[in-house]
Amino acid sequence: MNADVPLPRWQVQASPYTTGTRFLHDGSYVRLKYAELSYTFTNQLFMQRIGLNSLKLFVNGNNLFLWTKMPDDRESNTGGNTAYPTQKRYNLGLRISL
């Protein structure tokens, strides 16, 4: 006999979904939502040689890490099975000032 399965009850007050822990999940999580690394070149001699005032190189990302015991990502859940998973995104960029 499986004690985790709710049994039907004739009582109106008691619901099989509220008397057990079968449908409860640990809601704790750790998330790295956004991070950016950048470097600005400040060597004036180097910048004058290539004809620029400033140069910045950067890389960033969204939704980089999620650690949880939940069955899905609740941030992307819309209340049904139609939710897409949260997408990871990486960007690489260069900011130039002439």
N, C-alpha and C. Protein backbone atom coordinates (compact mmCIF):
# COMPACT_ATOMS: atom_id res chain seq x y z
N MET A 1 0.84 -1.18 0.00
CA MET A 1 0.00 0.00 0.00
C MET A 1 0.89 1.24 0.00
N ASN A 2 0.57 2.21 -0.82
CA ASN A 2 1.33 3.44 -0.93
C ASN A 2 0.66 4.51 -0.08
N ALA A 3 1.34 4.98 0.96
CA ALA A 3 0.76 5.97 1.87
C ALA A 3 0.80 7.38 1.29
N ASP A 4 1.45 7.58 0.14
CA ASP A 4 1.56 8.91 -0.46
C ASP A 4 0.34 9.25 -1.31
N VAL A 5 -0.45 8.28 -1.70
CA VAL A 5 -1.60 8.51 -2.57
C VAL A 5 -2.78 8.94 -1.70
N PRO A 6 -3.41 10.09 -2.04
CA PRO A 6 -4.56 10.53 -1.23
C PRO A 6 -5.74 9.58 -1.42
N LEU A 7 -6.47 9.35 -0.35
CA LEU A 7 -7.64 8.48 -0.39
C LEU A 7 -8.90 9.33 -0.51
N PRO A 8 -9.92 8.83 -1.19
CA PRO A 8 -11.18 9.59 -1.26
C PRO A 8 -11.84 9.65 0.11
N ARG A 9 -12.41 10.79 0.45
CA ARG A 9 -13.07 11.00 1.74
C ARG A 9 -14.51 11.44 1.48
N TRP A 10 -15.37 11.10 2.40
CA TRP A 10 -16.76 11.52 2.30
C TRP A 10 -16.98 12.86 2.99
N GLN A 11 -16.01 13.31 3.76
CA GLN A 11 -16.16 14.57 4.46
C GLN A 11 -15.97 15.73 3.49
N VAL A 12 -16.78 16.75 3.64
CA VAL A 12 -16.70 17.90 2.75
C VAL A 12 -15.50 18.77 3.10
N GLN A 13 -15.16 18.90 4.39
CA GLN A 13 -14.08 19.79 4.81
C GLN A 13 -12.71 19.25 4.40
N ALA A 14 -12.50 17.97 4.46
CA ALA A 14 -11.18 17.40 4.21
C ALA A 14 -11.00 17.13 2.72
N SER A 15 -9.97 17.71 2.17
CA SER A 15 -9.63 17.48 0.77
C SER A 15 -8.37 16.63 0.72
N PRO A 16 -8.28 15.66 -0.18
CA PRO A 16 -7.06 14.84 -0.24
C PRO A 16 -5.84 15.64 -0.66
N TYR A 17 -6.05 16.83 -1.23
CA TYR A 17 -4.92 17.65 -1.68
C TYR A 17 -4.37 18.55 -0.58
N THR A 18 -5.09 18.69 0.53
CA THR A 18 -4.63 19.54 1.62
C THR A 18 -4.18 18.76 2.85
N THR A 19 -4.41 17.45 2.89
CA THR A 19 -4.07 16.67 4.08
C THR A 19 -2.72 15.98 3.97
N GLY A 20 -2.05 16.06 2.88
CA GLY A 20 -0.77 15.40 2.73
C GLY A 20 0.29 16.33 2.16
N THR A 21 1.46 15.78 1.92
CA THR A 21 2.56 16.58 1.37
C THR A 21 2.93 16.14 -0.04
N ARG A 22 2.10 15.39 -0.68
CA ARG A 22 2.42 14.87 -2.01
C ARG A 22 2.60 15.98 -3.03
N PHE A 23 1.79 17.02 -2.97
CA PHE A 23 1.83 18.07 -3.97
C PHE A 23 2.59 19.31 -3.49
N LEU A 24 3.33 19.21 -2.40
CA LEU A 24 4.14 20.31 -1.91
C LEU A 24 5.57 20.15 -2.40
N HIS A 25 6.19 21.26 -2.76
CA HIS A 25 7.57 21.27 -3.24
C HIS A 25 8.38 22.26 -2.41
N ASP A 26 9.66 21.99 -2.31
CA ASP A 26 10.57 22.93 -1.67
C ASP A 26 10.76 24.10 -2.63
N GLY A 27 10.37 25.29 -2.22
CA GLY A 27 10.40 26.45 -3.11
C GLY A 27 11.69 27.25 -3.06
N SER A 28 12.72 26.77 -2.37
CA SER A 28 13.97 27.53 -2.30
C SER A 28 14.74 27.38 -3.60
N TYR A 29 15.49 28.43 -3.95
CA TYR A 29 16.25 28.42 -5.19
C TYR A 29 17.42 29.40 -5.09
N VAL A 30 18.38 29.21 -5.97
CA VAL A 30 19.49 30.14 -6.17
C VAL A 30 19.52 30.45 -7.65
N ARG A 31 19.54 31.73 -8.00
CA ARG A 31 19.49 32.13 -9.41
C ARG A 31 20.53 33.21 -9.67
N LEU A 32 21.25 33.06 -10.78
CA LEU A 32 22.10 34.13 -11.29
C LEU A 32 21.38 34.69 -12.50
N LYS A 33 20.72 35.81 -12.29
CA LYS A 33 19.84 36.38 -13.31
C LYS A 33 20.61 37.16 -14.38
N TYR A 34 21.60 37.95 -13.97
CA TYR A 34 22.31 38.79 -14.93
C TYR A 34 23.74 39.01 -14.45
N ALA A 35 24.68 38.95 -15.36
CA ALA A 35 26.07 39.25 -15.04
C ALA A 35 26.73 39.88 -16.27
N GLU A 36 27.67 40.80 -16.02
CA GLU A 36 28.40 41.45 -17.11
C GLU A 36 29.85 41.64 -16.72
N LEU A 37 30.72 41.36 -17.66
CA LEU A 37 32.15 41.62 -17.53
C LEU A 37 32.53 42.59 -18.64
N SER A 38 33.31 43.62 -18.30
CA SER A 38 33.71 44.58 -19.31
C SER A 38 35.12 45.07 -19.01
N TYR A 39 35.77 45.53 -20.07
CA TYR A 39 37.10 46.11 -19.94
C TYR A 39 37.16 47.34 -20.83
N THR A 40 37.60 48.46 -20.27
CA THR A 40 37.78 49.70 -21.02
C THR A 40 39.26 49.93 -21.22
N PHE A 41 39.67 50.06 -22.46
CA PHE A 41 41.07 50.32 -22.78
C PHE A 41 41.38 51.77 -22.48
N THR A 42 42.39 52.01 -21.66
CA THR A 42 42.70 53.38 -21.22
C THR A 42 44.08 53.85 -21.68
N ASN A 43 44.82 53.00 -22.36
CA ASN A 43 46.15 53.39 -22.83
C ASN A 43 45.99 54.42 -23.95
N GLN A 44 46.30 55.68 -23.66
CA GLN A 44 46.10 56.76 -24.62
C GLN A 44 46.98 56.61 -25.86
N LEU A 45 48.20 56.11 -25.69
CA LEU A 45 49.09 55.92 -26.84
C LEU A 45 48.52 54.88 -27.79
N PHE A 46 48.03 53.77 -27.25
CA PHE A 46 47.40 52.73 -28.08
C PHE A 46 46.16 53.27 -28.77
N MET A 47 45.34 54.02 -28.05
CA MET A 47 44.10 54.55 -28.62
C MET A 47 44.38 55.56 -29.72
N GLN A 48 45.42 56.39 -29.58
CA GLN A 48 45.76 57.36 -30.61
C GLN A 48 46.27 56.67 -31.87
N ARG A 49 46.98 55.56 -31.71
CA ARG A 49 47.49 54.83 -32.87
C ARG A 49 46.38 54.27 -33.74
N ILE A 50 45.32 53.81 -33.11
CA ILE A 50 44.23 53.25 -33.91
C ILE A 50 43.13 54.28 -34.20
N GLY A 51 43.29 55.50 -33.72
CA GLY A 51 42.38 56.60 -34.05
C GLY A 51 41.08 56.61 -33.28
N LEU A 52 41.08 56.17 -32.04
CA LEU A 52 39.86 56.14 -31.23
C LEU A 52 40.04 56.95 -29.95
N ASN A 53 38.92 57.48 -29.44
CA ASN A 53 38.93 58.15 -28.15
C ASN A 53 38.78 57.15 -27.00
N SER A 54 37.89 56.18 -27.16
CA SER A 54 37.70 55.16 -26.14
C SER A 54 37.25 53.86 -26.79
N LEU A 55 37.53 52.78 -26.10
CA LEU A 55 37.19 51.44 -26.59
C LEU A 55 36.82 50.59 -25.38
N LYS A 56 35.63 49.97 -25.44
CA LYS A 56 35.16 49.11 -24.35
C LYS A 56 34.70 47.79 -24.93
N LEU A 57 35.17 46.71 -24.36
CA LEU A 57 34.79 45.36 -24.77
C LEU A 57 34.00 44.74 -23.62
N PHE A 58 32.83 44.13 -23.92
CA PHE A 58 32.02 43.57 -22.85
C PHE A 58 31.35 42.28 -23.29
N VAL A 59 31.02 41.45 -22.30
CA VAL A 59 30.23 40.24 -22.48
C VAL A 59 29.26 40.17 -21.30
N ASN A 60 28.00 39.85 -21.61
CA ASN A 60 27.02 39.72 -20.54
C ASN A 60 26.07 38.57 -20.85
N GLY A 61 25.30 38.20 -19.84
CA GLY A 61 24.36 37.10 -20.02
C GLY A 61 23.18 37.22 -19.08
N ASN A 62 22.05 36.66 -19.51
CA ASN A 62 20.82 36.64 -18.72
C ASN A 62 20.45 35.19 -18.42
N ASN A 63 19.86 34.96 -17.26
CA ASN A 63 19.39 33.64 -16.84
C ASN A 63 20.51 32.61 -16.93
N LEU A 64 21.62 32.90 -16.31
CA LEU A 64 22.81 32.08 -16.45
C LEU A 64 22.77 30.81 -15.61
N PHE A 65 22.13 30.84 -14.45
CA PHE A 65 22.18 29.70 -13.56
C PHE A 65 20.93 29.63 -12.70
N LEU A 66 20.36 28.44 -12.56
CA LEU A 66 19.23 28.22 -11.66
C LEU A 66 19.42 26.87 -10.98
N TRP A 67 19.41 26.89 -9.64
CA TRP A 67 19.53 25.68 -8.86
C TRP A 67 18.32 25.58 -7.95
N THR A 68 17.48 24.57 -8.19
CA THR A 68 16.25 24.41 -7.41
C THR A 68 15.81 22.95 -7.45
N LYS A 69 14.94 22.58 -6.52
CA LYS A 69 14.34 21.25 -6.52
C LYS A 69 12.94 21.27 -7.12
N MET A 70 12.51 22.44 -7.58
CA MET A 70 11.19 22.56 -8.19
C MET A 70 11.14 21.81 -9.51
N PRO A 71 9.97 21.32 -9.92
CA PRO A 71 9.88 20.58 -11.17
C PRO A 71 10.01 21.46 -12.42
N ASP A 72 9.81 22.76 -12.28
CA ASP A 72 9.94 23.67 -13.42
C ASP A 72 10.36 25.05 -12.91
N ASP A 73 10.62 25.94 -13.86
CA ASP A 73 11.00 27.31 -13.51
C ASP A 73 9.73 28.12 -13.33
N ARG A 74 9.41 28.49 -12.10
CA ARG A 74 8.15 29.19 -11.82
C ARG A 74 8.12 30.60 -12.39
N GLU A 75 9.24 31.17 -12.73
CA GLU A 75 9.24 32.51 -13.30
C GLU A 75 8.61 32.51 -14.69
N SER A 76 8.75 31.41 -15.42
CA SER A 76 8.21 31.34 -16.77
C SER A 76 6.84 30.69 -16.81
N ASN A 77 6.30 30.26 -15.68
CA ASN A 77 5.04 29.54 -15.64
C ASN A 77 3.87 30.51 -15.76
N THR A 78 2.96 30.21 -16.68
CA THR A 78 1.79 31.06 -16.89
C THR A 78 0.51 30.39 -16.41
N GLY A 79 0.63 29.32 -15.62
CA GLY A 79 -0.54 28.67 -15.09
C GLY A 79 -1.00 27.47 -15.89
N GLY A 80 -0.29 27.09 -16.90
CA GLY A 80 -0.66 25.92 -17.69
C GLY A 80 0.56 25.27 -18.28
N ASN A 81 0.33 24.41 -19.23
CA ASN A 81 1.44 23.73 -19.89
C ASN A 81 1.92 24.49 -21.12
N THR A 82 1.54 25.75 -21.25
CA THR A 82 1.90 26.53 -22.44
C THR A 82 3.13 27.40 -22.24
N ALA A 83 3.76 27.34 -21.07
CA ALA A 83 4.90 28.21 -20.77
C ALA A 83 6.17 27.68 -21.43
N TYR A 84 6.94 28.57 -21.98
CA TYR A 84 8.25 28.22 -22.51
C TYR A 84 9.26 28.29 -21.39
N PRO A 85 10.30 27.48 -21.44
CA PRO A 85 11.34 27.60 -20.40
C PRO A 85 12.08 28.92 -20.53
N THR A 86 12.63 29.40 -19.42
CA THR A 86 13.39 30.64 -19.44
C THR A 86 14.66 30.44 -20.26
N GLN A 87 14.86 31.30 -21.23
CA GLN A 87 15.99 31.15 -22.15
C GLN A 87 17.24 31.82 -21.61
N LYS A 88 18.37 31.18 -21.85
CA LYS A 88 19.66 31.80 -21.54
C LYS A 88 20.07 32.66 -22.72
N ARG A 89 20.70 33.79 -22.43
CA ARG A 89 21.11 34.70 -23.50
C ARG A 89 22.50 35.23 -23.19
N TYR A 90 23.36 35.20 -24.19
CA TYR A 90 24.72 35.70 -24.07
C TYR A 90 24.93 36.80 -25.11
N ASN A 91 25.58 37.89 -24.71
CA ASN A 91 25.85 39.00 -25.61
C ASN A 91 27.34 39.33 -25.55
N LEU A 92 27.91 39.65 -26.67
CA LEU A 92 29.29 40.10 -26.77
C LEU A 92 29.24 41.43 -27.51
N GLY A 93 29.90 42.44 -26.98
CA GLY A 93 29.81 43.75 -27.60
C GLY A 93 31.09 44.54 -27.55
N LEU A 94 31.10 45.56 -28.37
CA LEU A 94 32.24 46.46 -28.48
C LEU A 94 31.67 47.87 -28.60
N ARG A 95 32.08 48.77 -27.68
CA ARG A 95 31.63 50.16 -27.71
C ARG A 95 32.83 51.04 -28.12
N ILE A 96 32.66 51.73 -29.23
CA ILE A 96 33.75 52.54 -29.81
C ILE A 96 33.34 54.00 -29.82
N SER A 97 34.24 54.86 -29.41
CA SER A 97 34.02 56.30 -29.49
C SER A 97 35.16 56.90 -30.32
N LEU A 98 34.77 57.57 -31.41
CA LEU A 98 35.76 58.17 -32.32
C LEU A 98 36.18 59.56 -31.88
